[in-house]
């Protein structure tokens, strides 16, 4: 993870820094603040409802991630979001191949 142009490879430290930033921005509702990068995505933080904060991963699209009560929980949330992209992409690729196979079979039976 890159935070404020510094590469941080310790999950606990990275999570703690995210929690501190979240605490500072809770009153700045509606403003996205760029923090750095995570897993190839630009990483932002913004104030959210109920005096909380959320992280935003931005690539071609934006993905919101909840800031949890703990440093490691917040890092787990980020990792889970990114791993979810990979799993979803693999499922979609399998669905596309299956649909193409069915289309060929349907065309052969007409």
PDB file of N, CA and C in Angstrom:
ATOM      1  N   UNK A   1       0.848  -1.172   0.000  1.00  0.00           N
ATOM      2  CA  UNK A   1       0.000   0.000   0.000  1.00  0.00           C
ATOM      3  C   UNK A   1       0.891   1.232   0.000  1.00  0.00           C
ATOM      4  N   UNK A   2       0.459   2.224  -0.736  1.00  0.00           N
ATOM      5  CA  UNK A   2       1.171   3.500  -0.734  1.00  0.00           C
ATOM      6  C   UNK A   2       0.266   4.534  -0.076  1.00  0.00           C
ATOM      7  N   UNK A   3       0.749   5.130   0.997  1.00  0.00           N
ATOM      8  CA  UNK A   3       0.020   6.197   1.692  1.00  0.00           C
ATOM      9  C   UNK A   3       0.905   7.432   1.719  1.00  0.00           C
ATOM     10  N   UNK A   4       0.372   8.519   1.212  1.00  0.00           N
ATOM     11  CA  UNK A   4       1.116   9.777   1.199  1.00  0.00           C
ATOM     12  C   UNK A   4       2.528   9.591   0.626  1.00  0.00           C
ATOM     13  N   UNK A   5       2.612   8.903  -0.513  1.00  0.00           N
ATOM     14  CA  UNK A   5       3.856   8.673  -1.248  1.00  0.00           C
ATOM     15  C   UNK A   5       4.852   7.794  -0.505  1.00  0.00           C
ATOM     16  N   UNK A   6       4.412   7.101   0.548  1.00  0.00           N
ATOM     17  CA  UNK A   6       5.279   6.203   1.305  1.00  0.00           C
ATOM     18  C   UNK A   6       4.728   4.781   1.177  1.00  0.00           C
ATOM     19  N   UNK A   7       5.567   3.834   0.800  1.00  0.00           N
ATOM     20  CA  UNK A   7       5.142   2.442   0.681  1.00  0.00           C
ATOM     21  C   UNK A   7       5.150   1.811   2.070  1.00  0.00           C
ATOM     22  N   UNK A   8       4.011   1.206   2.418  1.00  0.00           N
ATOM     23  CA  UNK A   8       3.875   0.571   3.723  1.00  0.00           C
ATOM     24  C   UNK A   8       3.497  -0.883   3.486  1.00  0.00           C
ATOM     25  N   UNK A   9       4.337  -1.806   3.977  1.00  0.00           N
ATOM     26  CA  UNK A   9       4.062  -3.221   3.760  1.00  0.00           C
ATOM     27  C   UNK A   9       3.616  -3.938   5.033  1.00  0.00           C
ATOM     28  N   UNK A  10       3.511  -3.219   6.125  1.00  0.00           N
ATOM     29  CA  UNK A  10       3.033  -3.792   7.376  1.00  0.00           C
ATOM     30  C   UNK A  10       1.538  -3.511   7.498  1.00  0.00           C
ATOM     31  N   UNK A  11       0.734  -4.564   7.534  1.00  0.00           N
ATOM     32  CA  UNK A  11      -0.731  -4.407   7.566  1.00  0.00           C
ATOM     33  C   UNK A  11      -1.207  -3.627   8.783  1.00  0.00           C
ATOM     34  N   UNK A  12      -0.629  -3.933   9.930  1.00  0.00           N
ATOM     35  CA  UNK A  12      -1.041  -3.249  11.154  1.00  0.00           C
ATOM     36  C   UNK A  12      -0.768  -1.754  11.095  1.00  0.00           C
ATOM     37  N   UNK A  13       0.411  -1.396  10.627  1.00  0.00           N
ATOM     38  CA  UNK A  13       0.782   0.021  10.518  1.00  0.00           C
ATOM     39  C   UNK A  13      -0.124   0.715   9.499  1.00  0.00           C
ATOM     40  N   UNK A  14      -0.304   0.082   8.337  1.00  0.00           N
ATOM     41  CA  UNK A  14      -1.160   0.675   7.299  1.00  0.00           C
ATOM     42  C   UNK A  14      -2.584   0.859   7.818  1.00  0.00           C
ATOM     43  N   UNK A  15      -3.116  -0.147   8.474  1.00  0.00           N
ATOM     44  CA  UNK A  15      -4.471  -0.054   9.015  1.00  0.00           C
ATOM     45  C   UNK A  15      -4.597   1.032  10.067  1.00  0.00           C
ATOM     46  N   UNK A  16      -3.594   1.147  10.929  1.00  0.00           N
ATOM     47  CA  UNK A  16      -3.620   2.177  11.973  1.00  0.00           C
ATOM     48  C   UNK A  16      -3.589   3.572  11.354  1.00  0.00           C
ATOM     49  N   UNK A  17      -2.771   3.759  10.325  1.00  0.00           N
ATOM     50  CA  UNK A  17      -2.726   5.054   9.651  1.00  0.00           C
ATOM     51  C   UNK A  17      -4.068   5.380   8.994  1.00  0.00           C
ATOM     52  N   UNK A  18      -4.715   4.369   8.414  1.00  0.00           N
ATOM     53  CA  UNK A  18      -6.044   4.589   7.824  1.00  0.00           C
ATOM     54  C   UNK A  18      -7.066   4.977   8.885  1.00  0.00           C
ATOM     55  N   UNK A  19      -7.019   4.300  10.033  1.00  0.00           N
ATOM     56  CA  UNK A  19      -7.953   4.643  11.120  1.00  0.00           C
ATOM     57  C   UNK A  19      -7.741   6.073  11.605  1.00  0.00           C
ATOM     58  N   UNK A  20      -6.494   6.496  11.714  1.00  0.00           N
ATOM     59  CA  UNK A  20      -6.209   7.870  12.146  1.00  0.00           C
ATOM     60  C   UNK A  20      -6.736   8.887  11.137  1.00  0.00           C
ATOM     61  N   UNK A  21      -6.532   8.593   9.849  1.00  0.00           N
ATOM     62  CA  UNK A  21      -7.047   9.499   8.811  1.00  0.00           C
ATOM     63  C   UNK A  21      -8.567   9.536   8.846  1.00  0.00           C
ATOM     64  N   UNK A  22      -9.193   8.394   9.074  1.00  0.00           N
ATOM     65  CA  UNK A  22     -10.652   8.332   9.136  1.00  0.00           C
ATOM     66  C   UNK A  22     -11.177   9.187  10.281  1.00  0.00           C
ATOM     67  N   UNK A  23     -10.504   9.134  11.399  1.00  0.00           N
ATOM     68  CA  UNK A  23     -10.933   9.918  12.565  1.00  0.00           C
ATOM     69  C   UNK A  23     -10.836  11.415  12.274  1.00  0.00           C
ATOM     70  N   UNK A  24      -9.823  11.818  11.542  1.00  0.00           N
ATOM     71  CA  UNK A  24      -9.619  13.235  11.249  1.00  0.00           C
ATOM     72  C   UNK A  24     -10.644  13.803  10.263  1.00  0.00           C
ATOM     73  N   UNK A  25     -11.162  12.978   9.353  1.00  0.00           N
ATOM     74  CA  UNK A  25     -12.009  13.529   8.282  1.00  0.00           C
ATOM     75  C   UNK A  25     -13.506  13.376   8.532  1.00  0.00           C
ATOM     76  N   UNK A  26     -13.905  12.798   9.630  1.00  0.00           N
ATOM     77  CA  UNK A  26     -15.323  12.531   9.861  1.00  0.00           C
ATOM     78  C   UNK A  26     -16.199  13.776   9.789  1.00  0.00           C
ATOM     79  N   UNK A  27     -15.639  14.922  10.073  1.00  0.00           N
ATOM     80  CA  UNK A  27     -16.430  16.154  10.042  1.00  0.00           C
ATOM     81  C   UNK A  27     -16.407  16.839   8.673  1.00  0.00           C
ATOM     82  N   UNK A  28     -15.653  16.301   7.731  1.00  0.00           N
ATOM     83  CA  UNK A  28     -15.529  16.923   6.406  1.00  0.00           C
ATOM     84  C   UNK A  28     -16.407  16.181   5.405  1.00  0.00           C
ATOM     85  N   UNK A  29     -17.684  16.143   5.668  1.00  0.00           N
ATOM     86  CA  UNK A  29     -18.626  15.350   4.881  1.00  0.00           C
ATOM     87  C   UNK A  29     -18.640  15.761   3.414  1.00  0.00           C
ATOM     88  N   UNK A  30     -18.624  14.765   2.538  1.00  0.00           N
ATOM     89  CA  UNK A  30     -18.760  15.006   1.115  1.00  0.00           C
ATOM     90  C   UNK A  30     -17.457  15.251   0.382  1.00  0.00           C
ATOM     91  N   UNK A  31     -16.372  15.295   1.084  1.00  0.00           N
ATOM     92  CA  UNK A  31     -15.082  15.585   0.458  1.00  0.00           C
ATOM     93  C   UNK A  31     -14.251  14.295   0.359  1.00  0.00           C
ATOM     94  N   UNK A  32     -13.807  13.953  -0.850  1.00  0.00           N
ATOM     95  CA  UNK A  32     -12.916  12.810  -1.041  1.00  0.00           C
ATOM     96  C   UNK A  32     -11.475  13.286  -0.929  1.00  0.00           C
ATOM     97  N   UNK A  33     -10.688  12.582  -0.135  1.00  0.00           N
ATOM     98  CA  UNK A  33      -9.295  12.942   0.070  1.00  0.00           C
ATOM     99  C   UNK A  33      -8.428  11.788  -0.427  1.00  0.00           C
ATOM    100  N   UNK A  34      -7.537  12.098  -1.349  1.00  0.00           N
ATOM    101  CA  UNK A  34      -6.668  11.056  -1.896  1.00  0.00           C
ATOM    102  C   UNK A  34      -5.607  10.692  -0.870  1.00  0.00           C
ATOM    103  N   UNK A  35      -5.469   9.373  -0.633  1.00  0.00           N
ATOM    104  CA  UNK A  35      -4.481   8.883   0.319  1.00  0.00           C
ATOM    105  C   UNK A  35      -3.268   8.273  -0.353  1.00  0.00           C
ATOM    106  N   UNK A  36      -3.489   7.632  -1.492  1.00  0.00           N
ATOM    107  CA  UNK A  36      -2.394   6.932  -2.161  1.00  0.00           C
ATOM    108  C   UNK A  36      -2.931   5.874  -3.101  1.00  0.00           C
ATOM    109  N   UNK A  37      -2.321   4.662  -3.032  1.00  0.00           N
ATOM    110  CA  UNK A  37      -2.727   3.567  -3.918  1.00  0.00           C
ATOM    111  C   UNK A  37      -2.774   2.258  -3.147  1.00  0.00           C
ATOM    112  N   UNK A  38      -3.653   1.372  -3.612  1.00  0.00           N
ATOM    113  CA  UNK A  38      -3.756   0.029  -3.040  1.00  0.00           C
ATOM    114  C   UNK A  38      -4.116  -0.933  -4.158  1.00  0.00           C
ATOM    115  N   UNK A  39      -3.297  -1.946  -4.356  1.00  0.00           N
ATOM    116  CA  UNK A  39      -3.559  -3.014  -5.336  1.00  0.00           C
ATOM    117  C   UNK A  39      -3.859  -2.468  -6.732  1.00  0.00           C
ATOM    118  N   UNK A  40      -3.148  -1.422  -7.122  1.00  0.00           N
ATOM    119  CA  UNK A  40      -3.335  -0.861  -8.448  1.00  0.00           C
ATOM    120  C   UNK A  40      -4.458   0.158  -8.566  1.00  0.00           C
ATOM    121  N   UNK A  41      -5.164   0.424  -7.486  1.00  0.00           N
ATOM    122  CA  UNK A  41      -6.257   1.392  -7.469  1.00  0.00           C
ATOM    123  C   UNK A  41      -5.816   2.654  -6.745  1.00  0.00           C
ATOM    124  N   UNK A  42      -6.366   3.797  -7.164  1.00  0.00           N
ATOM    125  CA  UNK A  42      -6.192   5.010  -6.376  1.00  0.00           C
ATOM    126  C   UNK A  42      -7.047   4.855  -5.133  1.00  0.00           C
ATOM    127  N   UNK A  43      -6.525   5.278  -4.005  1.00  0.00           N
ATOM    128  CA  UNK A  43      -7.202   5.109  -2.723  1.00  0.00           C
ATOM    129  C   UNK A  43      -7.585   6.471  -2.153  1.00  0.00           C
ATOM    130  N   UNK A  44      -8.864   6.616  -1.846  1.00  0.00           N
ATOM    131  CA  UNK A  44      -9.402   7.842  -1.269  1.00  0.00           C
ATOM    132  C   UNK A  44     -10.109   7.500   0.023  1.00  0.00           C
ATOM    133  N   UNK A  45     -10.346   8.522   0.831  1.00  0.00           N
ATOM    134  CA  UNK A  45     -11.153   8.377   2.043  1.00  0.00           C
ATOM    135  C   UNK A  45     -12.173   9.498   2.046  1.00  0.00           C
ATOM    136  N   UNK A  46     -13.345   9.205   2.595  1.00  0.00           N
ATOM    137  CA  UNK A  46     -14.386  10.227   2.696  1.00  0.00           C
ATOM    138  C   UNK A  46     -15.206   9.985   3.959  1.00  0.00           C
ATOM    139  N   UNK A  47     -15.754  11.077   4.464  1.00  0.00           N
ATOM    140  CA  UNK A  47     -16.658  10.977   5.604  1.00  0.00           C
ATOM    141  C   UNK A  47     -17.944  10.313   5.132  1.00  0.00           C
ATOM    142  N   UNK A  48     -18.549   9.556   6.021  1.00  0.00           N
ATOM    143  CA  UNK A  48     -19.773   8.841   5.691  1.00  0.00           C
ATOM    144  C   UNK A  48     -20.831   9.160   6.751  1.00  0.00           C
ATOM    145  N   UNK A  49     -21.948   8.495   6.649  1.00  0.00           N
ATOM    146  CA  UNK A  49     -23.032   8.714   7.605  1.00  0.00           C
ATOM    147  C   UNK A  49     -22.665   8.182   8.985  1.00  0.00           C
ATOM    148  N   UNK A  50     -23.405   8.617   9.986  1.00  0.00           N
ATOM    149  CA  UNK A  50     -23.247   8.145  11.370  1.00  0.00           C
ATOM    150  C   UNK A  50     -21.838   8.352  11.919  1.00  0.00           C
ATOM    151  N   UNK A  51     -21.229   9.493  11.578  1.00  0.00           N
ATOM    152  CA  UNK A  51     -19.912   9.843  12.103  1.00  0.00           C
ATOM    153  C   UNK A  51     -18.880   8.744  11.825  1.00  0.00           C
ATOM    154  N   UNK A  52     -18.890   8.242  10.593  1.00  0.00           N
ATOM    155  CA  UNK A  52     -17.943   7.208  10.202  1.00  0.00           C
ATOM    156  C   UNK A  52     -17.234   7.636   8.922  1.00  0.00           C
ATOM    157  N   UNK A  53     -16.376   6.771   8.419  1.00  0.00           N
ATOM    158  CA  UNK A  53     -15.646   7.060   7.183  1.00  0.00           C
ATOM    159  C   UNK A  53     -15.642   5.810   6.320  1.00  0.00           C
ATOM    160  N   UNK A  54     -15.418   6.021   5.028  1.00  0.00           N
ATOM    161  CA  UNK A  54     -15.283   4.894   4.117  1.00  0.00           C
ATOM    162  C   UNK A  54     -14.112   5.154   3.182  1.00  0.00           C
ATOM    163  N   UNK A  55     -13.522   4.065   2.731  1.00  0.00           N
ATOM    164  CA  UNK A  55     -12.445   4.143   1.758  1.00  0.00           C
ATOM    165  C   UNK A  55     -13.044   3.935   0.383  1.00  0.00           C
ATOM    166  N   UNK A  56     -12.435   4.546  -0.620  1.00  0.00           N
ATOM    167  CA  UNK A  56     -12.908   4.405  -1.992  1.00  0.00           C
ATOM    168  C   UNK A  56     -11.731   3.991  -2.855  1.00  0.00           C
ATOM    169  N   UNK A  57     -11.897   2.862  -3.532  1.00  0.00           N
ATOM    170  CA  UNK A  57     -10.910   2.401  -4.506  1.00  0.00           C
ATOM    171  C   UNK A  57     -11.396   2.859  -5.870  1.00  0.00           C
ATOM    172  N   UNK A  58     -10.533   3.529  -6.615  1.00  0.00           N
ATOM    173  CA  UNK A  58     -10.929   4.031  -7.929  1.00  0.00           C
ATOM    174  C   UNK A  58     -10.004   3.513  -9.011  1.00  0.00           C
ATOM    175  N   UNK A  59     -10.625   2.945 -10.009  1.00  0.00           N
ATOM    176  CA  UNK A  59      -9.962   2.555 -11.249  1.00  0.00           C
ATOM    177  C   UNK A  59     -10.873   3.107 -12.326  1.00  0.00           C
ATOM    178  N   UNK A  60     -11.357   2.234 -13.198  1.00  0.00           N
ATOM    179  CA  UNK A  60     -12.379   2.669 -14.155  1.00  0.00           C
ATOM    180  C   UNK A  60     -13.689   2.950 -13.435  1.00  0.00           C
ATOM    181  N   UNK A  61     -13.920   2.245 -12.359  1.00  0.00           N
ATOM    182  CA  UNK A  61     -15.100   2.443 -11.519  1.00  0.00           C
ATOM    183  C   UNK A  61     -14.638   2.734 -10.098  1.00  0.00           C
ATOM    184  N   UNK A  62     -15.580   3.067  -9.246  1.00  0.00           N
ATOM    185  CA  UNK A  62     -15.278   3.309  -7.833  1.00  0.00           C
ATOM    186  C   UNK A  62     -15.921   2.230  -6.984  1.00  0.00           C
ATOM    187  N   UNK A  63     -15.212   1.823  -5.935  1.00  0.00           N
ATOM    188  CA  UNK A  63     -15.689   0.786  -5.032  1.00  0.00           C
ATOM    189  C   UNK A  63     -15.506   1.263  -3.605  1.00  0.00           C
ATOM    190  N   UNK A  64     -16.590   1.244  -2.842  1.00  0.00           N
ATOM    191  CA  UNK A  64     -16.528   1.701  -1.458  1.00  0.00           C
ATOM    192  C   UNK A  64     -16.199   0.548  -0.526  1.00  0.00           C
ATOM    193  N   UNK A  65     -15.388   0.865   0.476  1.00  0.00           N
ATOM    194  CA  UNK A  65     -14.976  -0.114   1.479  1.00  0.00           C
ATOM    195  C   UNK A  65     -15.155   0.523   2.850  1.00  0.00           C
ATOM    196  N   UNK A  66     -15.738  -0.204   3.739  1.00  0.00           N
ATOM    197  CA  UNK A  66     -16.014   0.298   5.082  1.00  0.00           C
ATOM    198  C   UNK A  66     -14.740   0.360   5.920  1.00  0.00           C
ATOM    199  N   UNK A  67     -14.575   1.450   6.648  1.00  0.00           N
ATOM    200  CA  UNK A  67     -13.515   1.535   7.655  1.00  0.00           C
ATOM    201  C   UNK A  67     -14.079   0.877   8.906  1.00  0.00           C
ATOM    202  N   UNK A  68     -13.419  -0.172   9.380  1.00  0.00           N
ATOM    203  CA  UNK A  68     -13.923  -0.909  10.539  1.00  0.00           C
ATOM    204  C   UNK A  68     -13.384  -0.301  11.831  1.00  0.00           C
ATOM    205  N   UNK A  69     -13.647  -0.958  12.929  1.00  0.00           N
ATOM    206  CA  UNK A  69     -13.194  -0.481  14.238  1.00  0.00           C
ATOM    207  C   UNK A  69     -11.727  -0.798  14.510  1.00  0.00           C
ATOM    208  N   UNK A  70     -11.149  -1.703  13.705  1.00  0.00           N
ATOM    209  CA  UNK A  70      -9.769  -2.104  13.966  1.00  0.00           C
ATOM    210  C   UNK A  70      -8.897  -1.895  12.728  1.00  0.00           C
ATOM    211  N   UNK A  71      -7.612  -1.766  12.970  1.00  0.00           N
ATOM    212  CA  UNK A  71      -6.647  -1.567  11.886  1.00  0.00           C
ATOM    213  C   UNK A  71      -6.635  -2.768  10.942  1.00  0.00           C
ATOM    214  N   UNK A  72      -6.508  -3.972  11.502  1.00  0.00           N
ATOM    215  CA  UNK A  72      -6.450  -5.163  10.656  1.00  0.00           C
ATOM    216  C   UNK A  72      -7.787  -5.440   9.972  1.00  0.00           C
ATOM    217  N   UNK A  73      -8.885  -5.119  10.628  1.00  0.00           N
ATOM    218  CA  UNK A  73     -10.202  -5.295  10.010  1.00  0.00           C
ATOM    219  C   UNK A  73     -10.371  -4.403   8.785  1.00  0.00           C
ATOM    220  N   UNK A  74      -9.854  -3.192   8.873  1.00  0.00           N
ATOM    221  CA  UNK A  74      -9.942  -2.267   7.742  1.00  0.00           C
ATOM    222  C   UNK A  74      -9.109  -2.785   6.574  1.00  0.00           C
ATOM    223  N   UNK A  75      -7.907  -3.279   6.857  1.00  0.00           N
ATOM    224  CA  UNK A  75      -7.062  -3.843   5.799  1.00  0.00           C
ATOM    225  C   UNK A  75      -7.732  -5.077   5.207  1.00  0.00           C
ATOM    226  N   UNK A  76      -8.336  -5.919   6.045  1.00  0.00           N
ATOM    227  CA  UNK A  76      -9.061  -7.096   5.539  1.00  0.00           C
ATOM    228  C   UNK A  76     -10.196  -6.689   4.615  1.00  0.00           C
ATOM    229  N   UNK A  77     -10.897  -5.619   4.955  1.00  0.00           N
ATOM    230  CA  UNK A  77     -11.987  -5.129   4.103  1.00  0.00           C
ATOM    231  C   UNK A  77     -11.464  -4.713   2.733  1.00  0.00           C
ATOM    232  N   UNK A  78     -10.332  -4.015   2.708  1.00  0.00           N
ATOM    233  CA  UNK A  78      -9.725  -3.612   1.435  1.00  0.00           C
ATOM    234  C   UNK A  78      -9.324  -4.839   0.614  1.00  0.00           C
ATOM    235  N   UNK A  79      -8.623  -5.777   1.256  1.00  0.00           N
ATOM    236  CA  UNK A  79      -8.181  -6.982   0.548  1.00  0.00           C
ATOM    237  C   UNK A  79      -9.355  -7.788   0.037  1.00  0.00           C
ATOM    238  N   UNK A  80     -10.385  -7.892   0.834  1.00  0.00           N
ATOM    239  CA  UNK A  80     -11.567  -8.651   0.444  1.00  0.00           C
ATOM    240  C   UNK A  80     -12.239  -8.038  -0.781  1.00  0.00           C
ATOM    241  N   UNK A  81     -12.297  -6.725  -0.820  1.00  0.00           N
ATOM    242  CA  UNK A  81     -12.910  -6.043  -1.962  1.00  0.00           C
ATOM    243  C   UNK A  81     -12.136  -6.360  -3.238  1.00  0.00           C
ATOM    244  N   UNK A  82     -10.813  -6.286  -3.174  1.00  0.00           N
ATOM    245  CA  UNK A  82      -9.990  -6.544  -4.352  1.00  0.00           C
ATOM    246  C   UNK A  82     -10.061  -8.016  -4.746  1.00  0.00           C
ATOM    247  N   UNK A  83     -10.006  -8.921  -3.781  1.00  0.00           N
ATOM    248  CA  UNK A  83     -10.112 -10.350  -4.089  1.00  0.00           C
ATOM    249  C   UNK A  83     -11.477 -10.660  -4.693  1.00  0.00           C
ATOM    250  N   UNK A  84     -12.491  -9.942  -4.251  1.00  0.00           N
ATOM    251  CA  UNK A  84     -13.826 -10.126  -4.815  1.00  0.00           C
ATOM    252  C   UNK A  84     -13.872  -9.787  -6.291  1.00  0.00           C
ATOM    253  N   UNK A  85     -13.085  -8.788  -6.722  1.00  0.00           N
ATOM    254  CA  UNK A  85     -13.022  -8.427  -8.149  1.00  0.00           C
ATOM    255  C   UNK A  85     -12.489  -9.600  -8.950  1.00  0.00           C
ATOM    256  N   UNK A  86     -11.408 -10.204  -8.463  1.00  0.00           N
ATOM    257  CA  UNK A  86     -10.771 -11.303  -9.172  1.00  0.00           C
ATOM    258  C   UNK A  86     -11.704 -12.502  -9.274  1.00  0.00           C
ATOM    259  N   UNK A  87     -12.386 -12.823  -8.183  1.00  0.00           N
ATOM    260  CA  UNK A  87     -13.321 -13.948  -8.192  1.00  0.00           C
ATOM    261  C   UNK A  87     -14.485 -13.674  -9.135  1.00  0.00           C
ATOM    262  N   UNK A  88     -15.002 -12.460  -9.095  1.00  0.00           N
ATOM    263  CA  UNK A  88     -16.111 -12.087  -9.972  1.00  0.00           C
ATOM    264  C   UNK A  88     -15.694 -12.156 -11.438  1.00  0.00           C
ATOM    265  N   UNK A  89     -14.493 -11.694 -11.748  1.00  0.00           N
ATOM    266  CA  UNK A  89     -13.988 -11.737 -13.123  1.00  0.00           C
ATOM    267  C   UNK A  89     -13.865 -13.182 -13.601  1.00  0.00           C
ATOM    268  N   UNK A  90     -13.366 -14.065 -12.756  1.00  0.00           N
ATOM    269  CA  UNK A  90     -13.233 -15.482 -13.133  1.00  0.00           C
ATOM    270  C   UNK A  90     -14.605 -16.100 -13.392  1.00  0.00           C
ATOM    271  N   UNK A  91     -15.584 -15.785 -12.539  1.00  0.00           N
ATOM    272  CA  UNK A  91     -16.952 -16.304 -12.743  1.00  0.00           C
ATOM    273  C   UNK A  91     -17.540 -15.786 -14.044  1.00  0.00           C
ATOM    274  N   UNK A  92     -17.344 -14.495 -14.324  1.00  0.00           N
ATOM    275  CA  UNK A  92     -17.877 -13.916 -15.554  1.00  0.00           C
ATOM    276  C   UNK A  92     -17.234 -14.535 -16.788  1.00  0.00           C
ATOM    277  N   UNK A  93     -15.929 -14.775 -16.731  1.00  0.00           N
ATOM    278  CA  UNK A  93     -15.249 -15.420 -17.855  1.00  0.00           C
ATOM    279  C   UNK A  93     -15.807 -16.819 -18.086  1.00  0.00           C
ATOM    280  N   UNK A  94     -16.038 -17.572 -17.023  1.00  0.00           N
ATOM    281  CA  UNK A  94     -16.611 -18.914 -17.143  1.00  0.00           C
ATOM    282  C   UNK A  94     -18.024 -18.836 -17.720  1.00  0.00           C
ATOM    283  N   UNK A  95     -18.807 -17.853 -17.276  1.00  0.00           N
ATOM    284  CA  UNK A  95     -20.169 -17.682 -17.797  1.00  0.00           C
ATOM    285  C   UNK A  95     -20.151 -17.339 -19.289  1.00  0.00           C
ATOM    286  N   UNK A  96     -19.200 -16.517 -19.704  1.00  0.00           N
ATOM    287  CA  UNK A  96     -19.089 -16.154 -21.119  1.00  0.00           C
ATOM    288  C   UNK A  96     -18.759 -17.378 -21.961  1.00  0.00           C
ATOM    289  N   UNK A  97     -17.786 -18.178 -21.507  1.00  0.00           N
ATOM    290  CA  UNK A  97     -17.416 -19.396 -22.238  1.00  0.00           C
ATOM    291  C   UNK A  97     -18.598 -20.353 -22.329  1.00  0.00           C
ATOM    292  N   UNK A  98     -19.321 -20.505 -21.224  1.00  0.00           N
ATOM    293  CA  UNK A  98     -20.491 -21.381 -21.212  1.00  0.00           C
ATOM    294  C   UNK A  98     -21.563 -20.874 -22.174  1.00  0.00           C
ATOM    295  N   UNK A  99     -21.799 -19.574 -22.189  1.00  0.00           N
ATOM    296  CA  UNK A  99     -22.801 -18.990 -23.093  1.00  0.00           C
ATOM    297  C   UNK A  99     -22.390 -19.163 -24.553  1.00  0.00           C
ATOM    298  N   UNK A 100     -21.116 -18.990 -24.846  1.00  0.00           N
ATOM    299  CA  UNK A 100     -20.640 -19.183 -26.218  1.00  0.00           C
ATOM    300  C   UNK A 100     -20.825 -20.636 -26.650  1.00  0.00           C
ATOM    301  N   UNK A 101     -20.516 -21.567 -25.755  1.00  0.00           N
ATOM    302  CA  UNK A 101     -20.686 -22.993 -26.048  1.00  0.00           C
ATOM    303  C   UNK A 101     -22.164 -23.310 -26.312  1.00  0.00           C
ATOM    304  N   UNK A 102     -23.048 -22.767 -25.496  1.00  0.00           N
ATOM    305  CA  UNK A 102     -24.498 -22.995 -25.682  1.00  0.00           C
ATOM    306  C   UNK A 102     -24.993 -22.391 -26.976  1.00  0.00           C
ATOM    307  N   UNK A 103     -24.460 -21.222 -27.329  1.00  0.00           N
ATOM    308  CA  UNK A 103     -24.866 -20.579 -28.581  1.00  0.00           C
ATOM    309  C   UNK A 103     -24.479 -21.439 -29.773  1.00  0.00           C
ATOM    310  N   UNK A 104     -23.276 -22.012 -29.733  1.00  0.00           N
ATOM    311  CA  UNK A 104     -22.835 -22.904 -30.822  1.00  0.00           C
ATOM    312  C   UNK A 104     -23.727 -24.133 -30.884  1.00  0.00           C
ATOM    313  N   UNK A 105     -24.024 -24.722 -29.722  1.00  0.00           N
ATOM    314  CA  UNK A 105     -24.891 -25.906 -29.671  1.00  0.00           C
ATOM    315  C   UNK A 105     -26.288 -25.584 -30.199  1.00  0.00           C
ATOM    316  N   UNK A 106     -26.814 -24.441 -29.827  1.00  0.00           N
ATOM    317  CA  UNK A 106     -28.156 -24.046 -30.278  1.00  0.00           C
ATOM    318  C   UNK A 106     -28.163 -23.821 -31.786  1.00  0.00           C
ATOM    319  N   UNK A 107     -27.096 -23.215 -32.311  1.00  0.00           N
ATOM    320  CA  UNK A 107     -27.022 -22.969 -33.756  1.00  0.00           C
ATOM    321  C   UNK A 107     -26.918 -24.284 -34.527  1.00  0.00           C
ATOM    322  N   UNK A 108     -26.253 -25.279 -33.949  1.00  0.00           N
ATOM    323  CA  UNK A 108     -26.100 -26.573 -34.612  1.00  0.00           C
ATOM    324  C   UNK A 108     -27.387 -27.383 -34.602  1.00  0.00           C
ATOM    325  N   UNK A 109     -28.297 -27.084 -33.704  1.00  0.00           N
ATOM    326  CA  UNK A 109     -29.551 -27.836 -33.588  1.00  0.00           C
ATOM    327  C   UNK A 109     -30.705 -27.187 -34.360  1.00  0.00           C
ATOM    328  N   UNK A 110     -30.450 -26.142 -35.061  1.00  0.00           N
ATOM    329  CA  UNK A 110     -31.532 -25.467 -35.804  1.00  0.00           C
ATOM    330  C   UNK A 110     -31.644 -25.993 -37.183  1.00  0.00           C
TER     331      UNK A 110
END
